[in-house]
Amino acid sequence: MKREQPYIIGLTGSIGMGKSTVAQMFVDEGVPLFDADAAVHQLQGPGGALVEEIEALFPGTTTGAGVDRQKLGAAVLGDPAALQRLEELVHPAVAELRQAFLDENCDQPLILFDIPLLFEKGGGKAVDHVVVVSAGPEQQRARVLARPGMSEQRFEQIKSLQMPDADKRQKADSVIDTSLPHAETRRQVQKLVQKLKASLA
């Protein structure tokens, strides 16, 4: 029996685990990608649909080039009520874009949703198969601290908002290990795509 819609893979993983790299590997295997972070960038970028509303909620956080993510981050980080107001604005807008993506790709066997806070925001129910991207804590720390403008304090703050990696691995349907050489990580992705397609055939 033919499925009514594509089989949805939910891709998640904590900061610095290599999720973007793995997402691109799925795309290389022909799996269409909906990137929740990219959708947020689109909504908050130059002429973005949410720029005016964000400025109204958090004055001084936008410019002609859209939302200043550092200023907005400073306005909501450590303030749960402010973060909730922002999320109540952003999440429905992202959901609309996600539905449009689903409609466009309704004839595909597999599609990929890249959702950073999949477990934290209860998004696991909206996907068919959860893939967690993971690496060792030392690798994670080294990758994150190598990013421009990142500090130990900011890293710890971000990590505190994310479910521990060990818990994510436990909840996953599949784990992609990015502590291995690049080619080995790619092989894991290829094998998983083949396995999922075979299970749908």
C-alpha atoms as a PDB file:
ATOM      1  CA  MET A   1       0.000   0.000   0.000  1.00  0.00           C
ATOM      2  CA  LYS A   2       1.354   3.396  -1.004  1.00  0.00           C
ATOM      3  CA  ARG A   3       1.992   5.882   1.797  1.00  0.00           C
ATOM      4  CA  GLU A   4      -0.078   9.041   1.719  1.00  0.00           C
ATOM      5  CA  GLN A   5       2.990  11.181   2.369  1.00  0.00           C
ATOM      6  CA  PRO A   6       6.775  10.794   2.508  1.00  0.00           C
ATOM      7  CA  TYR A   7       8.463   8.931   5.359  1.00  0.00           C
ATOM      8  CA  ILE A   8       9.808  11.710   7.602  1.00  0.00           C
ATOM      9  CA  ILE A   9      13.264  11.432   9.141  1.00  0.00           C
ATOM     10  CA  GLY A  10      13.815  13.809  12.058  1.00  0.00           C
ATOM     11  CA  LEU A  11      17.481  14.790  12.373  1.00  0.00           C
ATOM     12  CA  THR A  12      18.688  16.205  15.673  1.00  0.00           C
ATOM     13  CA  GLY A  13      21.777  16.483  17.837  1.00  0.00           C
ATOM     14  CA  SER A  14      23.330  18.811  20.360  1.00  0.00           C
ATOM     15  CA  ILE A  15      25.465  21.813  19.415  1.00  0.00           C
ATOM     16  CA  GLY A  16      28.785  20.923  17.778  1.00  0.00           C
ATOM     17  CA  MET A  17      27.863  17.319  16.961  1.00  0.00           C
ATOM     18  CA  GLY A  18      28.088  17.768  13.176  1.00  0.00           C
ATOM     19  CA  LYS A  19      24.378  17.874  12.376  1.00  0.00           C
ATOM     20  CA  SER A  20      24.715  20.266   9.409  1.00  0.00           C
ATOM     21  CA  THR A  21      27.405  18.055   7.872  1.00  0.00           C
ATOM     22  CA  VAL A  22      25.208  14.967   8.234  1.00  0.00           C
ATOM     23  CA  ALA A  23      22.155  16.830   6.863  1.00  0.00           C
ATOM     24  CA  GLN A  24      24.160  17.634   3.723  1.00  0.00           C
ATOM     25  CA  MET A  25      25.103  13.943   3.414  1.00  0.00           C
ATOM     26  CA  PHE A  26      21.390  13.047   3.355  1.00  0.00           C
ATOM     27  CA  VAL A  27      20.846  15.703   0.650  1.00  0.00           C
ATOM     28  CA  ASP A  28      23.726  14.148  -1.328  1.00  0.00           C
ATOM     29  CA  GLU A  29      21.764  10.863  -1.189  1.00  0.00           C
ATOM     30  CA  GLY A  30      18.765  12.607  -2.779  1.00  0.00           C
ATOM     31  CA  VAL A  31      16.729  13.178   0.406  1.00  0.00           C
ATOM     32  CA  PRO A  32      15.003  16.610   0.374  1.00  0.00           C
ATOM     33  CA  LEU A  33      15.845  18.674   3.467  1.00  0.00           C
ATOM     34  CA  PHE A  34      13.736  21.062   5.535  1.00  0.00           C
ATOM     35  CA  ASP A  35      16.134  22.966   7.793  1.00  0.00           C
ATOM     36  CA  ALA A  36      14.290  24.594  10.715  1.00  0.00           C
ATOM     37  CA  ASP A  37      17.234  26.942  11.457  1.00  0.00           C
ATOM     38  CA  ALA A  38      17.396  28.060   7.805  1.00  0.00           C
ATOM     39  CA  ALA A  39      13.648  28.716   7.930  1.00  0.00           C
ATOM     40  CA  VAL A  40      14.162  30.922  11.005  1.00  0.00           C
ATOM     41  CA  HIS A  41      16.971  32.787   9.181  1.00  0.00           C
ATOM     42  CA  GLN A  42      14.607  33.362   6.246  1.00  0.00           C
ATOM     43  CA  LEU A  43      11.852  34.685   8.529  1.00  0.00           C
ATOM     44  CA  GLN A  44      14.297  36.936  10.410  1.00  0.00           C
ATOM     45  CA  GLY A  45      16.518  38.017   7.499  1.00  0.00           C
ATOM     46  CA  PRO A  46      16.249  41.113   5.251  1.00  0.00           C
ATOM     47  CA  GLY A  47      12.541  41.648   4.513  1.00  0.00           C
ATOM     48  CA  GLY A  48      11.684  38.581   6.606  1.00  0.00           C
ATOM     49  CA  ALA A  49       8.067  38.004   7.611  1.00  0.00           C
ATOM     50  CA  LEU A  50       8.782  38.263  11.366  1.00  0.00           C
ATOM     51  CA  VAL A  51      11.222  41.209  11.479  1.00  0.00           C
ATOM     52  CA  GLU A  52       8.637  43.894  12.324  1.00  0.00           C
ATOM     53  CA  GLU A  53       6.937  41.779  14.993  1.00  0.00           C
ATOM     54  CA  ILE A  54      10.284  40.913  16.615  1.00  0.00           C
ATOM     55  CA  GLU A  55      11.241  44.603  16.670  1.00  0.00           C
ATOM     56  CA  ALA A  56       7.887  45.401  18.333  1.00  0.00           C
ATOM     57  CA  LEU A  57       8.473  42.721  20.997  1.00  0.00           C
ATOM     58  CA  PHE A  58      12.198  43.386  21.497  1.00  0.00           C
ATOM     59  CA  PRO A  59      12.974  46.992  20.465  1.00  0.00           C
ATOM     60  CA  GLY A  60      16.471  47.603  19.094  1.00  0.00           C
ATOM     61  CA  THR A  61      17.100  43.996  18.024  1.00  0.00           C
ATOM     62  CA  THR A  62      16.659  44.535  14.265  1.00  0.00           C
ATOM     63  CA  THR A  63      18.366  46.562  11.533  1.00  0.00           C
ATOM     64  CA  GLY A  64      17.836  47.057   7.794  1.00  0.00           C
ATOM     65  CA  ALA A  65      19.460  43.653   7.365  1.00  0.00           C
ATOM     66  CA  GLY A  66      16.830  41.956   9.526  1.00  0.00           C
ATOM     67  CA  VAL A  67      17.193  40.609  13.044  1.00  0.00           C
ATOM     68  CA  ASP A  68      20.536  41.086  14.792  1.00  0.00           C
ATOM     69  CA  ARG A  69      20.799  37.550  16.187  1.00  0.00           C
ATOM     70  CA  GLN A  70      23.366  38.515  18.829  1.00  0.00           C
ATOM     71  CA  LYS A  71      21.176  41.326  20.181  1.00  0.00           C
ATOM     72  CA  LEU A  72      18.084  39.124  20.091  1.00  0.00           C
ATOM     73  CA  GLY A  73      20.022  36.325  21.799  1.00  0.00           C
ATOM     74  CA  ALA A  74      21.096  38.728  24.538  1.00  0.00           C
ATOM     75  CA  ALA A  75      17.468  39.863  24.955  1.00  0.00           C
ATOM     76  CA  VAL A  76      16.090  36.349  25.501  1.00  0.00           C
ATOM     77  CA  LEU A  77      18.946  34.218  26.875  1.00  0.00           C
ATOM     78  CA  GLY A  78      18.422  33.664  30.579  1.00  0.00           C
ATOM     79  CA  ASP A  79      14.888  35.123  30.444  1.00  0.00           C
ATOM     80  CA  PRO A  80      12.409  32.223  30.085  1.00  0.00           C
ATOM     81  CA  ALA A  81       9.371  34.518  29.668  1.00  0.00           C
ATOM     82  CA  ALA A  82      11.033  36.492  26.845  1.00  0.00           C
ATOM     83  CA  LEU A  83      12.173  33.253  25.164  1.00  0.00           C
ATOM     84  CA  GLN A  84       8.611  31.928  25.329  1.00  0.00           C
ATOM     85  CA  ARG A  85       7.221  35.109  23.706  1.00  0.00           C
ATOM     86  CA  LEU A  86       9.742  34.733  20.886  1.00  0.00           C
ATOM     87  CA  GLU A  87       8.956  31.037  20.410  1.00  0.00           C
ATOM     88  CA  GLU A  88       5.204  31.708  20.285  1.00  0.00           C
ATOM     89  CA  LEU A  89       5.928  34.008  17.346  1.00  0.00           C
ATOM     90  CA  VAL A  90       8.505  31.881  15.521  1.00  0.00           C
ATOM     91  CA  HIS A  91       7.153  28.321  15.852  1.00  0.00           C
ATOM     92  CA  PRO A  92       3.826  28.771  14.004  1.00  0.00           C
ATOM     93  CA  ALA A  93       5.636  30.606  11.164  1.00  0.00           C
ATOM     94  CA  VAL A  94       8.189  27.776  10.848  1.00  0.00           C
ATOM     95  CA  ALA A  95       5.357  25.208  10.922  1.00  0.00           C
ATOM     96  CA  GLU A  96       3.738  26.967   7.939  1.00  0.00           C
ATOM     97  CA  LEU A  97       6.968  26.807   5.936  1.00  0.00           C
ATOM     98  CA  ARG A  98       7.393  23.145   6.912  1.00  0.00           C
ATOM     99  CA  GLN A  99       3.885  22.307   5.672  1.00  0.00           C
ATOM    100  CA  ALA A 100       4.596  24.074   2.367  1.00  0.00           C
ATOM    101  CA  PHE A 101       7.810  22.020   2.028  1.00  0.00           C
ATOM    102  CA  LEU A 102       5.820  18.813   2.719  1.00  0.00           C
ATOM    103  CA  ASP A 103       3.271  19.752   0.050  1.00  0.00           C
ATOM    104  CA  GLU A 104       6.071  20.411  -2.491  1.00  0.00           C
ATOM    105  CA  ASN A 105       7.765  17.070  -1.772  1.00  0.00           C
ATOM    106  CA  CYS A 106       4.689  14.886  -1.291  1.00  0.00           C
ATOM    107  CA  ASP A 107       5.845  12.424  -3.985  1.00  0.00           C
ATOM    108  CA  GLN A 108       9.238  11.712  -2.369  1.00  0.00           C
ATOM    109  CA  PRO A 109       9.827   8.411  -0.502  1.00  0.00           C
ATOM    110  CA  LEU A 110      11.958  10.069   2.228  1.00  0.00           C
ATOM    111  CA  ILE A 111      12.293  13.620   3.475  1.00  0.00           C
ATOM    112  CA  LEU A 112      14.495  15.023   6.217  1.00  0.00           C
ATOM    113  CA  PHE A 113      13.507  17.539   8.903  1.00  0.00           C
ATOM    114  CA  ASP A 114      16.570  19.082  10.553  1.00  0.00           C
ATOM    115  CA  ILE A 115      15.198  20.073  13.983  1.00  0.00           C
ATOM    116  CA  PRO A 116      17.840  21.095  16.568  1.00  0.00           C
ATOM    117  CA  LEU A 117      15.509  20.880  19.606  1.00  0.00           C
ATOM    118  CA  LEU A 118      13.457  17.896  18.403  1.00  0.00           C
ATOM    119  CA  PHE A 119      13.209  16.211  21.817  1.00  0.00           C
ATOM    120  CA  GLU A 120      13.283  19.383  23.906  1.00  0.00           C
ATOM    121  CA  LYS A 121      10.220  20.788  22.094  1.00  0.00           C
ATOM    122  CA  GLY A 122       8.351  17.474  21.804  1.00  0.00           C
ATOM    123  CA  GLY A 123       8.728  17.250  18.010  1.00  0.00           C
ATOM    124  CA  GLY A 124       9.497  13.537  17.986  1.00  0.00           C
ATOM    125  CA  LYS A 125       5.832  12.670  17.452  1.00  0.00           C
ATOM    126  CA  ALA A 126       5.750  14.546  14.125  1.00  0.00           C
ATOM    127  CA  VAL A 127       8.398  12.334  12.479  1.00  0.00           C
ATOM    128  CA  ASP A 128       8.601   8.649  11.580  1.00  0.00           C
ATOM    129  CA  HIS A 129      12.256   7.969  12.400  1.00  0.00           C
ATOM    130  CA  VAL A 130      14.575   9.962  14.691  1.00  0.00           C
ATOM    131  CA  VAL A 131      18.273  10.192  13.803  1.00  0.00           C
ATOM    132  CA  VAL A 132      20.616  11.601  16.454  1.00  0.00           C
ATOM    133  CA  VAL A 133      24.008  12.950  15.386  1.00  0.00           C
ATOM    134  CA  SER A 134      26.575  12.390  18.104  1.00  0.00           C
ATOM    135  CA  ALA A 135      30.281  12.651  18.943  1.00  0.00           C
ATOM    136  CA  GLY A 136      32.377  12.508  22.105  1.00  0.00           C
ATOM    137  CA  PRO A 137      32.217  15.389  24.632  1.00  0.00           C
ATOM    138  CA  GLU A 138      35.807  16.473  23.939  1.00  0.00           C
ATOM    139  CA  GLN A 139      35.161  16.703  20.201  1.00  0.00           C
ATOM    140  CA  GLN A 140      31.950  18.579  20.808  1.00  0.00           C
ATOM    141  CA  ARG A 141      33.674  21.124  23.065  1.00  0.00           C
ATOM    142  CA  ALA A 142      36.580  21.638  20.637  1.00  0.00           C
ATOM    143  CA  ARG A 143      34.241  22.162  17.662  1.00  0.00           C
ATOM    144  CA  VAL A 144      31.990  24.617  19.493  1.00  0.00           C
ATOM    145  CA  LEU A 145      34.777  26.678  21.059  1.00  0.00           C
ATOM    146  CA  ALA A 146      36.388  27.010  17.614  1.00  0.00           C
ATOM    147  CA  ARG A 147      33.332  28.993  16.444  1.00  0.00           C
ATOM    148  CA  PRO A 148      33.662  32.786  16.169  1.00  0.00           C
ATOM    149  CA  GLY A 149      32.321  34.656  19.201  1.00  0.00           C
ATOM    150  CA  MET A 150      31.874  31.503  21.285  1.00  0.00           C
ATOM    151  CA  SER A 151      32.909  31.391  24.942  1.00  0.00           C
ATOM    152  CA  GLU A 152      32.904  28.643  27.587  1.00  0.00           C
ATOM    153  CA  GLN A 153      30.051  30.446  29.373  1.00  0.00           C
ATOM    154  CA  ARG A 154      27.899  30.718  26.238  1.00  0.00           C
ATOM    155  CA  PHE A 155      28.605  27.071  25.367  1.00  0.00           C
ATOM    156  CA  GLU A 156      27.499  25.960  28.856  1.00  0.00           C
ATOM    157  CA  GLN A 157      24.369  28.149  28.597  1.00  0.00           C
ATOM    158  CA  ILE A 158      23.381  26.604  25.240  1.00  0.00           C
ATOM    159  CA  LYS A 159      24.137  23.104  26.515  1.00  0.00           C
ATOM    160  CA  SER A 160      21.934  23.675  29.576  1.00  0.00           C
ATOM    161  CA  LEU A 161      18.939  24.228  27.253  1.00  0.00           C
ATOM    162  CA  GLN A 162      19.613  20.967  25.401  1.00  0.00           C
ATOM    163  CA  MET A 163      18.837  17.421  26.474  1.00  0.00           C
ATOM    164  CA  PRO A 164      22.072  15.533  27.358  1.00  0.00           C
ATOM    165  CA  ASP A 165      23.580  13.655  24.419  1.00  0.00           C
ATOM    166  CA  ALA A 166      23.333  10.292  26.231  1.00  0.00           C
ATOM    167  CA  ASP A 167      19.564  10.762  26.646  1.00  0.00           C
ATOM    168  CA  LYS A 168      19.174  11.678  22.968  1.00  0.00           C
ATOM    169  CA  ARG A 169      21.094   8.586  21.884  1.00  0.00           C
ATOM    170  CA  GLN A 170      18.812   6.445  24.021  1.00  0.00           C
ATOM    171  CA  LYS A 171      15.656   7.933  22.468  1.00  0.00           C
ATOM    172  CA  ALA A 172      16.971   7.727  18.878  1.00  0.00           C
ATOM    173  CA  ASP A 173      15.864   5.217  16.257  1.00  0.00           C
ATOM    174  CA  SER A 174      19.333   5.577  14.671  1.00  0.00           C
ATOM    175  CA  VAL A 175      22.585   7.244  15.769  1.00  0.00           C
ATOM    176  CA  ILE A 176      25.099   8.701  13.294  1.00  0.00           C
ATOM    177  CA  ASP A 177      28.563   8.908  14.852  1.00  0.00           C
ATOM    178  CA  THR A 178      30.561  11.923  13.617  1.00  0.00           C
ATOM    179  CA  SER A 179      33.629  11.216  15.731  1.00  0.00           C
ATOM    180  CA  LEU A 180      34.732   8.850  12.938  1.00  0.00           C
ATOM    181  CA  PRO A 181      36.459   9.880   9.687  1.00  0.00           C
ATOM    182  CA  HIS A 182      34.208  11.797   7.272  1.00  0.00           C
ATOM    183  CA  ALA A 183      33.962   8.900   4.783  1.00  0.00           C
ATOM    184  CA  GLU A 184      32.842   6.531   7.546  1.00  0.00           C
ATOM    185  CA  THR A 185      30.114   8.956   8.676  1.00  0.00           C
ATOM    186  CA  ARG A 186      28.944   9.200   5.045  1.00  0.00           C
ATOM    187  CA  ARG A 187      28.780   5.402   4.826  1.00  0.00           C
ATOM    188  CA  GLN A 188      26.521   5.328   7.903  1.00  0.00           C
ATOM    189  CA  VAL A 189      24.154   7.800   6.201  1.00  0.00           C
ATOM    190  CA  GLN A 190      24.155   5.850   2.931  1.00  0.00           C
ATOM    191  CA  LYS A 191      23.388   2.586   4.717  1.00  0.00           C
ATOM    192  CA  LEU A 192      20.521   4.159   6.661  1.00  0.00           C
ATOM    193  CA  VAL A 193      18.965   5.724   3.532  1.00  0.00           C
ATOM    194  CA  GLN A 194      19.166   2.363   1.712  1.00  0.00           C
ATOM    195  CA  LYS A 195      17.659   0.546   4.703  1.00  0.00           C
ATOM    196  CA  LEU A 196      14.747   2.989   5.057  1.00  0.00           C
ATOM    197  CA  LYS A 197      13.996   2.970   1.331  1.00  0.00           C
ATOM    198  CA  ALA A 198      14.057  -0.839   1.341  1.00  0.00           C
ATOM    199  CA  SER A 199      11.651  -0.944   4.289  1.00  0.00           C
ATOM    200  CA  LEU A 200       9.190   1.257   2.361  1.00  0.00           C
ATOM    201  CA  ALA A 201       9.390  -0.703  -0.894  1.00  0.00           C
END
